[in-house]
C-alpha atoms as a PDB file:
ATOM      1  CA  MET A   1     -35.566 178.361-150.825  1.00  0.00           C
ATOM      2  CA  SER A   2     -35.650 175.558-153.628  1.00  0.00           C
ATOM      3  CA  PRO A   3     -36.054 171.832-152.922  1.00  0.00           C
ATOM      4  CA  SER A   4     -32.861 169.777-152.926  1.00  0.00           C
ATOM      5  CA  PRO A   5     -32.378 166.765-155.252  1.00  0.00           C
ATOM      6  CA  SER A   6     -33.222 164.298-152.974  1.00  0.00           C
ATOM      7  CA  GLY A   7     -36.351 166.011-151.954  1.00  0.00           C
ATOM      8  CA  PRO A   8     -39.824 164.286-152.714  1.00  0.00           C
ATOM      9  CA  PRO A   9     -40.959 163.146-156.046  1.00  0.00           C
ATOM     10  CA  TRP A  10     -43.808 165.838-156.034  1.00  0.00           C
ATOM     11  CA  ARG A  11     -43.248 169.560-155.742  1.00  0.00           C
ATOM     12  CA  LEU A  12     -45.428 172.043-153.618  1.00  0.00           C
ATOM     13  CA  SER A  13     -45.131 175.776-153.818  1.00  0.00           C
ATOM     14  CA  ALA A  14     -44.320 177.598-150.606  1.00  0.00           C
ATOM     15  CA  VAL A  15     -48.006 178.635-150.098  1.00  0.00           C
ATOM     16  CA  GLN A  16     -49.223 174.959-150.690  1.00  0.00           C
ATOM     17  CA  GLU A  17     -46.656 173.680-148.319  1.00  0.00           C
ATOM     18  CA  VAL A  18     -47.803 176.070-145.813  1.00  0.00           C
ATOM     19  CA  LEU A  19     -51.205 175.455-145.965  1.00  0.00           C
ATOM     20  CA  ALA A  20     -50.992 171.662-146.122  1.00  0.00           C
ATOM     21  CA  LEU A  21     -48.957 171.374-142.849  1.00  0.00           C
ATOM     22  CA  TRP A  22     -51.285 173.899-141.078  1.00  0.00           C
ATOM     23  CA  ALA A  23     -54.331 171.926-142.332  1.00  0.00           C
ATOM     24  CA  VAL A  24     -52.693 168.610-140.742  1.00  0.00           C
ATOM     25  CA  GLY A  25     -51.798 170.304-137.546  1.00  0.00           C
ATOM     26  CA  PHE A  26     -55.133 171.833-137.351  1.00  0.00           C
ATOM     27  CA  LEU A  27     -57.100 168.534-137.951  1.00  0.00           C
ATOM     28  CA  GLY A  28     -54.832 166.570-135.612  1.00  0.00           C
ATOM     29  CA  ILE A  29     -55.636 168.954-132.652  1.00  0.00           C
ATOM     30  CA  VAL A  30     -59.492 168.823-133.448  1.00  0.00           C
ATOM     31  CA  ILE A  31     -59.193 164.864-133.391  1.00  0.00           C
ATOM     32  CA  ALA A  32     -57.322 164.794-130.159  1.00  0.00           C
ATOM     33  CA  PHE A  33     -59.861 167.214-128.646  1.00  0.00           C
ATOM     34  CA  LEU A  34     -62.787 165.113-129.952  1.00  0.00           C
ATOM     35  CA  PHE A  35     -61.219 161.908-128.453  1.00  0.00           C
ATOM     36  CA  PHE A  36     -59.285 163.182-125.379  1.00  0.00           C
ATOM     37  CA  GLY A  37     -60.792 166.571-124.405  1.00  0.00           C
ATOM     38  CA  GLY A  38     -60.291 167.417-120.731  1.00  0.00           C
ATOM     39  CA  SER A  39     -56.782 165.564-120.832  1.00  0.00           C
ATOM     40  CA  SER A  40     -53.241 166.895-121.622  1.00  0.00           C
ATOM     41  CA  ILE A  41     -53.269 164.945-124.910  1.00  0.00           C
ATOM     42  CA  PRO A  42     -54.592 167.528-127.105  1.00  0.00           C
ATOM     43  CA  LYS A  43     -52.048 169.976-125.956  1.00  0.00           C
ATOM     44  CA  LEU A  44     -49.123 167.346-126.291  1.00  0.00           C
ATOM     45  CA  VAL A  45     -50.356 166.915-129.996  1.00  0.00           C
ATOM     46  CA  ALA A  46     -50.243 170.515-130.654  1.00  0.00           C
ATOM     47  CA  THR A  47     -46.799 170.984-129.136  1.00  0.00           C
ATOM     48  CA  VAL A  48     -45.444 167.992-130.863  1.00  0.00           C
ATOM     49  CA  GLY A  49     -47.186 168.945-134.379  1.00  0.00           C
ATOM     50  CA  PHE A  50     -45.898 172.694-134.058  1.00  0.00           C
ATOM     51  CA  LEU A  51     -42.139 171.443-133.439  1.00  0.00           C
ATOM     52  CA  TYR A  52     -42.087 168.575-135.784  1.00  0.00           C
ATOM     53  CA  LEU A  53     -44.200 169.091-138.833  1.00  0.00           C
ATOM     54  CA  PRO A  54     -42.019 171.664-140.329  1.00  0.00           C
ATOM     55  CA  LEU A  55     -39.126 169.178-140.099  1.00  0.00           C
ATOM     56  CA  ILE A  56     -40.565 167.175-143.034  1.00  0.00           C
ATOM     57  CA  PRO A  57     -40.065 169.809-145.718  1.00  0.00           C
ATOM     58  CA  MET A  58     -37.075 171.155-143.818  1.00  0.00           C
ATOM     59  CA  ARG A  59     -35.198 167.910-144.290  1.00  0.00           C
ATOM     60  CA  TRP A  60     -35.906 167.616-147.811  1.00  0.00           C
ATOM     61  CA  ARG A  61     -34.181 171.182-148.343  1.00  0.00           C
ATOM     62  CA  GLU A  62     -31.415 170.294-145.855  1.00  0.00           C
ATOM     63  CA  GLU A  63     -32.402 172.967-143.476  1.00  0.00           C
ATOM     64  CA  ASP A  64     -32.545 173.213-139.796  1.00  0.00           C
ATOM     65  CA  TYR A  65     -34.351 175.271-136.997  1.00  0.00           C
ATOM     66  CA  ARG A  66     -31.845 178.272-137.207  1.00  0.00           C
ATOM     67  CA  ASP A  67     -33.065 178.788-140.935  1.00  0.00           C
ATOM     68  CA  TYR A  68     -36.583 179.572-139.521  1.00  0.00           C
ATOM     69  CA  GLY A  69     -35.682 181.921-136.699  1.00  0.00           C
ATOM     70  CA  LEU A  70     -35.169 179.549-133.756  1.00  0.00           C
ATOM     71  CA  SER A  71     -31.591 180.862-132.712  1.00  0.00           C
ATOM     72  CA  LEU A  72     -30.088 183.143-130.019  1.00  0.00           C
ATOM     73  CA  ARG A  73     -28.383 185.187-132.446  1.00  0.00           C
ATOM     74  CA  ALA A  74     -30.174 188.419-132.008  1.00  0.00           C
ATOM     75  CA  TRP A  75     -31.121 187.818-128.329  1.00  0.00           C
ATOM     76  CA  ARG A  76     -30.266 191.181-126.947  1.00  0.00           C
ATOM     77  CA  GLN A  77     -32.481 192.771-129.551  1.00  0.00           C
ATOM     78  CA  ASP A  78     -35.240 190.227-128.795  1.00  0.00           C
ATOM     79  CA  VAL A  79     -35.145 190.987-125.074  1.00  0.00           C
ATOM     80  CA  LYS A  80     -35.391 194.765-125.905  1.00  0.00           C
ATOM     81  CA  LEU A  81     -38.183 194.445-128.040  1.00  0.00           C
ATOM     82  CA  PHE A  82     -39.981 192.232-125.477  1.00  0.00           C
ATOM     83  CA  LEU A  83     -39.310 194.567-122.448  1.00  0.00           C
ATOM     84  CA  GLY A  84     -40.188 197.597-124.546  1.00  0.00           C
ATOM     85  CA  LEU A  85     -43.492 196.249-125.888  1.00  0.00           C
ATOM     86  CA  SER A  86     -44.506 194.820-122.481  1.00  0.00           C
ATOM     87  CA  LEU A  87     -44.059 198.355-121.097  1.00  0.00           C
ATOM     88  CA  VAL A  88     -46.197 199.881-123.736  1.00  0.00           C
ATOM     89  CA  VAL A  89     -48.661 197.062-124.173  1.00  0.00           C
ATOM     90  CA  GLY A  90     -49.083 196.204-120.573  1.00  0.00           C
ATOM     91  CA  PRO A  91     -50.925 199.089-119.238  1.00  0.00           C
ATOM     92  CA  LEU A  92     -53.012 199.779-122.388  1.00  0.00           C
ATOM     93  CA  PHE A  93     -54.195 196.061-122.209  1.00  0.00           C
ATOM     94  CA  PHE A  94     -55.177 196.493-118.451  1.00  0.00           C
ATOM     95  CA  LEU A  95     -57.173 199.655-119.391  1.00  0.00           C
ATOM     96  CA  GLY A  96     -58.917 197.683-122.122  1.00  0.00           C
ATOM     97  CA  PHE A  97     -59.561 194.560-120.232  1.00  0.00           C
ATOM     98  CA  TYR A  98     -60.972 196.712-117.236  1.00  0.00           C
ATOM     99  CA  ALA A  99     -63.334 198.389-119.796  1.00  0.00           C
ATOM    100  CA  TRP A 100     -64.413 195.135-121.261  1.00  0.00           C
ATOM    101  CA  ALA A 101     -65.042 193.532-117.753  1.00  0.00           C
ATOM    102  CA  GLU A 102     -67.375 196.374-116.903  1.00  0.00           C
ATOM    103  CA  LEU A 103     -69.180 195.997-120.264  1.00  0.00           C
ATOM    104  CA  VAL A 104     -69.710 192.437-120.382  1.00  0.00           C
ATOM    105  CA  PRO A 105     -72.468 192.154-117.589  1.00  0.00           C
ATOM    106  CA  HIS A 106     -74.646 194.704-119.657  1.00  0.00           C
ATOM    107  CA  LEU A 107     -74.410 192.520-122.778  1.00  0.00           C
ATOM    108  CA  PRO A 108     -77.121 190.020-123.666  1.00  0.00           C
ATOM    109  CA  GLN A 109     -76.070 186.639-122.185  1.00  0.00           C
ATOM    110  CA  ALA A 110     -76.315 184.778-125.303  1.00  0.00           C
ATOM    111  CA  LEU A 111     -73.918 187.431-126.932  1.00  0.00           C
ATOM    112  CA  ALA A 112     -71.597 187.577-124.133  1.00  0.00           C
ATOM    113  CA  ARG A 113     -71.080 183.619-124.010  1.00  0.00           C
ATOM    114  CA  HIS A 114     -69.705 183.891-127.649  1.00  0.00           C
ATOM    115  CA  LEU A 115     -67.477 186.866-126.802  1.00  0.00           C
ATOM    116  CA  THR A 116     -65.720 185.860-123.505  1.00  0.00           C
ATOM    117  CA  PRO A 117     -65.391 183.013-121.008  1.00  0.00           C
ATOM    118  CA  HIS A 118     -66.078 185.119-118.208  1.00  0.00           C
ATOM    119  CA  ILE A 119     -69.660 186.722-117.885  1.00  0.00           C
ATOM    120  CA  GLY A 120     -69.958 187.429-114.126  1.00  0.00           C
ATOM    121  CA  PRO A 121     -69.539 190.385-112.160  1.00  0.00           C
ATOM    122  CA  ALA A 122     -65.902 191.567-112.148  1.00  0.00           C
ATOM    123  CA  HIS A 123     -63.986 193.170-109.291  1.00  0.00           C
ATOM    124  CA  PHE A 124     -60.092 193.712-109.510  1.00  0.00           C
ATOM    125  CA  SER A 125     -58.413 192.227-106.600  1.00  0.00           C
ATOM    126  CA  PRO A 126     -54.784 191.373-107.592  1.00  0.00           C
ATOM    127  CA  ARG A 127     -53.834 187.731-107.156  1.00  0.00           C
ATOM    128  CA  LEU A 128     -51.643 185.159-108.922  1.00  0.00           C
ATOM    129  CA  PRO A 129     -53.039 181.922-110.493  1.00  0.00           C
ATOM    130  CA  PRO A 130     -52.509 178.752-108.550  1.00  0.00           C
ATOM    131  CA  ARG A 131     -49.283 177.042-109.155  1.00  0.00           C
ATOM    132  CA  PHE A 132     -48.157 180.098-111.110  1.00  0.00           C
ATOM    133  CA  GLY A 133     -44.515 178.770-111.475  1.00  0.00           C
ATOM    134  CA  GLU A 134     -45.753 175.815-113.450  1.00  0.00           C
ATOM    135  CA  TRP A 135     -47.790 178.266-115.702  1.00  0.00           C
ATOM    136  CA  VAL A 136     -44.524 180.050-116.574  1.00  0.00           C
ATOM    137  CA  ILE A 137     -42.673 176.891-117.510  1.00  0.00           C
ATOM    138  CA  ASP A 138     -45.753 175.680-119.413  1.00  0.00           C
ATOM    139  CA  GLN A 139     -46.516 178.811-121.452  1.00  0.00           C
ATOM    140  CA  LEU A 140     -43.157 179.481-122.531  1.00  0.00           C
ATOM    141  CA  PHE A 141     -41.764 176.181-123.242  1.00  0.00           C
ATOM    142  CA  VAL A 142     -45.136 174.121-124.295  1.00  0.00           C
ATOM    143  CA  VAL A 143     -47.377 176.946-126.024  1.00  0.00           C
ATOM    144  CA  ALA A 144     -45.450 179.951-127.022  1.00  0.00           C
ATOM    145  CA  LEU A 145     -42.101 178.484-128.210  1.00  0.00           C
ATOM    146  CA  PRO A 146     -43.535 175.824-130.469  1.00  0.00           C
ATOM    147  CA  GLU A 147     -46.197 178.174-131.726  1.00  0.00           C
ATOM    148  CA  GLU A 148     -43.998 180.969-132.411  1.00  0.00           C
ATOM    149  CA  PHE A 149     -41.662 178.420-134.419  1.00  0.00           C
ATOM    150  CA  PHE A 150     -44.522 177.008-136.296  1.00  0.00           C
ATOM    151  CA  TYR A 151     -46.246 180.176-137.165  1.00  0.00           C
ATOM    152  CA  ARG A 152     -43.750 183.141-137.067  1.00  0.00           C
ATOM    153  CA  GLY A 153     -40.586 181.097-137.792  1.00  0.00           C
ATOM    154  CA  TYR A 154     -41.793 178.339-140.345  1.00  0.00           C
ATOM    155  CA  MET A 155     -44.954 179.576-141.758  1.00  0.00           C
ATOM    156  CA  GLN A 156     -44.335 183.302-142.143  1.00  0.00           C
ATOM    157  CA  THR A 157     -40.639 182.661-143.486  1.00  0.00           C
ATOM    158  CA  ARG A 158     -42.073 180.400-146.325  1.00  0.00           C
ATOM    159  CA  LEU A 159     -44.992 182.761-147.007  1.00  0.00           C
ATOM    160  CA  ARG A 160     -42.423 185.416-147.350  1.00  0.00           C
ATOM    161  CA  ASP A 161     -40.450 183.168-149.857  1.00  0.00           C
ATOM    162  CA  ALA A 162     -43.738 183.384-151.943  1.00  0.00           C
ATOM    163  CA  TRP A 163     -44.326 186.879-151.275  1.00  0.00           C
ATOM    164  CA  PRO A 164     -41.256 188.833-150.744  1.00  0.00           C
ATOM    165  CA  GLY A 165     -42.631 192.414-150.887  1.00  0.00           C
ATOM    166  CA  GLY A 166     -44.199 194.542-148.219  1.00  0.00           C
ATOM    167  CA  ARG A 167     -44.036 197.928-146.626  1.00  0.00           C
ATOM    168  CA  LYS A 168     -41.404 198.778-143.712  1.00  0.00           C
ATOM    169  CA  VAL A 169     -43.205 199.411-140.423  1.00  0.00           C
ATOM    170  CA  PHE A 170     -40.977 200.736-137.589  1.00  0.00           C
ATOM    171  CA  GLY A 171     -38.119 198.632-139.156  1.00  0.00           C
ATOM    172  CA  ALA A 172     -39.837 195.651-140.245  1.00  0.00           C
ATOM    173  CA  ARG A 173     -40.986 194.891-143.691  1.00  0.00           C
ATOM    174  CA  LEU A 174     -44.460 193.627-143.543  1.00  0.00           C
ATOM    175  CA  GLY A 175     -46.270 192.012-146.552  1.00  0.00           C
ATOM    176  CA  PRO A 176     -48.989 189.382-147.311  1.00  0.00           C
ATOM    177  CA  ALA A 177     -46.846 186.753-145.365  1.00  0.00           C
ATOM    178  CA  PHE A 178     -47.447 188.771-142.197  1.00  0.00           C
ATOM    179  CA  TRP A 179     -51.057 189.298-142.832  1.00  0.00           C
ATOM    180  CA  LEU A 180     -51.749 185.645-143.668  1.00  0.00           C
ATOM    181  CA  THR A 181     -49.732 184.035-140.807  1.00  0.00           C
ATOM    182  CA  ALA A 182     -51.781 186.100-138.416  1.00  0.00           C
ATOM    183  CA  VAL A 183     -54.900 185.013-140.074  1.00  0.00           C
ATOM    184  CA  LEU A 184     -54.057 181.295-139.999  1.00  0.00           C
ATOM    185  CA  PHE A 185     -52.797 181.690-136.309  1.00  0.00           C
ATOM    186  CA  ALA A 186     -56.277 182.982-135.415  1.00  0.00           C
ATOM    187  CA  LEU A 187     -58.145 180.387-137.262  1.00  0.00           C
ATOM    188  CA  GLY A 188     -55.801 177.714-135.829  1.00  0.00           C
ATOM    189  CA  HIS A 189     -57.413 178.504-132.362  1.00  0.00           C
ATOM    190  CA  LEU A 190     -60.617 177.270-133.378  1.00  0.00           C
ATOM    191  CA  ALA A 191     -59.690 173.863-133.153  1.00  0.00           C
ATOM    192  CA  ILE A 192     -61.652 174.424-129.770  1.00  0.00           C
ATOM    193  CA  PHE A 193     -64.673 176.100-131.249  1.00  0.00           C
ATOM    194  CA  GLN A 194     -64.962 179.039-129.177  1.00  0.00           C
ATOM    195  CA  VAL A 195     -65.446 182.570-131.440  1.00  0.00           C
ATOM    196  CA  TRP A 196     -63.661 184.664-128.621  1.00  0.00           C
ATOM    197  CA  ARG A 197     -60.403 182.674-129.504  1.00  0.00           C
ATOM    198  CA  LEU A 198     -60.287 184.673-132.949  1.00  0.00           C
ATOM    199  CA  SER A 199     -59.090 187.675-130.776  1.00  0.00           C
ATOM    200  CA  VAL A 200     -55.762 186.243-130.777  1.00  0.00           C
ATOM    201  CA  PHE A 201     -55.340 187.697-134.388  1.00  0.00           C
ATOM    202  CA  PHE A 202     -54.463 191.053-132.675  1.00  0.00           C
ATOM    203  CA  PRO A 203     -51.434 190.089-130.583  1.00  0.00           C
ATOM    204  CA  ALA A 204     -50.373 187.836-133.627  1.00  0.00           C
ATOM    205  CA  LEU A 205     -49.613 191.066-135.416  1.00  0.00           C
ATOM    206  CA  LEU A 206     -46.973 192.073-132.798  1.00  0.00           C
ATOM    207  CA  PHE A 207     -45.616 188.509-132.840  1.00  0.00           C
ATOM    208  CA  GLY A 208     -45.115 188.560-136.509  1.00  0.00           C
ATOM    209  CA  TRP A 209     -43.710 192.230-136.409  1.00  0.00           C
ATOM    210  CA  MET A 210     -41.161 191.095-133.629  1.00  0.00           C
ATOM    211  CA  ARG A 211     -40.086 188.303-135.914  1.00  0.00           C
ATOM    212  CA  GLU A 212     -39.415 190.417-138.872  1.00  0.00           C
ATOM    213  CA  ARG A 213     -37.800 193.261-136.832  1.00  0.00           C
ATOM    214  CA  SER A 214     -35.211 190.817-135.064  1.00  0.00           C
ATOM    215  CA  GLY A 215     -35.031 187.745-137.577  1.00  0.00           C
ATOM    216  CA  THR A 216     -35.559 185.504-134.829  1.00  0.00           C
ATOM    217  CA  VAL A 217     -38.595 184.016-132.806  1.00  0.00           C
ATOM    218  CA  LEU A 218     -37.166 184.366-129.368  1.00  0.00           C
ATOM    219  CA  GLY A 219     -38.562 187.801-128.698  1.00  0.00           C
ATOM    220  CA  ALA A 220     -41.937 186.813-129.974  1.00  0.00           C
ATOM    221  CA  ALA A 221     -42.190 183.653-127.907  1.00  0.00           C
ATOM    222  CA  LEU A 222     -40.998 185.596-124.780  1.00  0.00           C
ATOM    223  CA  PHE A 223     -43.954 188.271-125.555  1.00  0.00           C
ATOM    224  CA  HIS A 224     -46.090 185.690-126.440  1.00  0.00           C
ATOM    225  CA  ALA A 225     -45.888 183.653-123.066  1.00  0.00           C
ATOM    226  CA  ALA A 226     -45.881 186.936-121.216  1.00  0.00           C
ATOM    227  CA  CYS A 227     -49.382 187.910-122.601  1.00  0.00           C
ATOM    228  CA  ASN A 228     -50.734 184.413-121.892  1.00  0.00           C
ATOM    229  CA  LEU A 229     -49.583 184.837-118.466  1.00  0.00           C
ATOM    230  CA  TYR A 230     -50.903 188.446-118.321  1.00  0.00           C
ATOM    231  CA  VAL A 231     -54.376 187.456-119.461  1.00  0.00           C
ATOM    232  CA  ARG A 232     -54.622 184.687-116.892  1.00  0.00           C
ATOM    233  CA  PHE A 233     -53.401 186.916-114.195  1.00  0.00           C
ATOM    234  CA  LEU A 234     -56.207 189.413-114.930  1.00  0.00           C
ATOM    235  CA  GLU A 235     -58.700 186.686-115.303  1.00  0.00           C
ATOM    236  CA  VAL A 236     -58.079 185.586-111.784  1.00  0.00           C
ATOM    237  CA  SER A 237     -57.612 189.009-110.417  1.00  0.00           C
ATOM    238  CA  PHE A 238     -61.087 190.212-111.996  1.00  0.00           C
ATOM    239  CA  PHE A 239     -63.146 187.023-111.873  1.00  0.00           C
ATOM    240  CA  GLY A 240     -61.599 185.069-109.326  1.00  0.00           C
END
């Protein structure tokens, strides 16, 4: 994708553009937490930034959201990918979470505080978080969809413009753009400095694969929201 004649007087490479917008978004969230931590303002800043920061270069190039995967054109494939991955990952993650909950009480407390927000004794008793319906709407439309558009839609696409190569893995071509997007996604979660947030690197690999497999971000957004809701369900069910 090359800039249109009506673009800015300066020229940035695809990689420079992505890193610049990521840094602006990251700093915006950090500042919002420093001044308004404990309120809904940091989340609002993040959501608005993820949805609208990419619009600046997109308008210079006369592009729209569909050019970056925000589309229903492959919704059937997206839904199939979402359901299939959920059926495979869900039970495996439950077993991993159960093993982790059993392990944490045996770790030195100073170490455990860096690795998890829950360090008390665990006992599984299935229950939904309070106001679960609101959580579903929040995680899908306020968290997952904006993040997937920004990271897997905009960033992964622009980085792929710079590095188009890669190897095919289960029908999706994965190259440097895929890996760097997952790294930046994980680092972006350190806007709230808690080391355990870096673990989002691993689900980011699945989100990125889904984006490359279907060509849109719908399936990744559905799976992203489902993962967040599932983790919340497990936290409440294990730790109360």
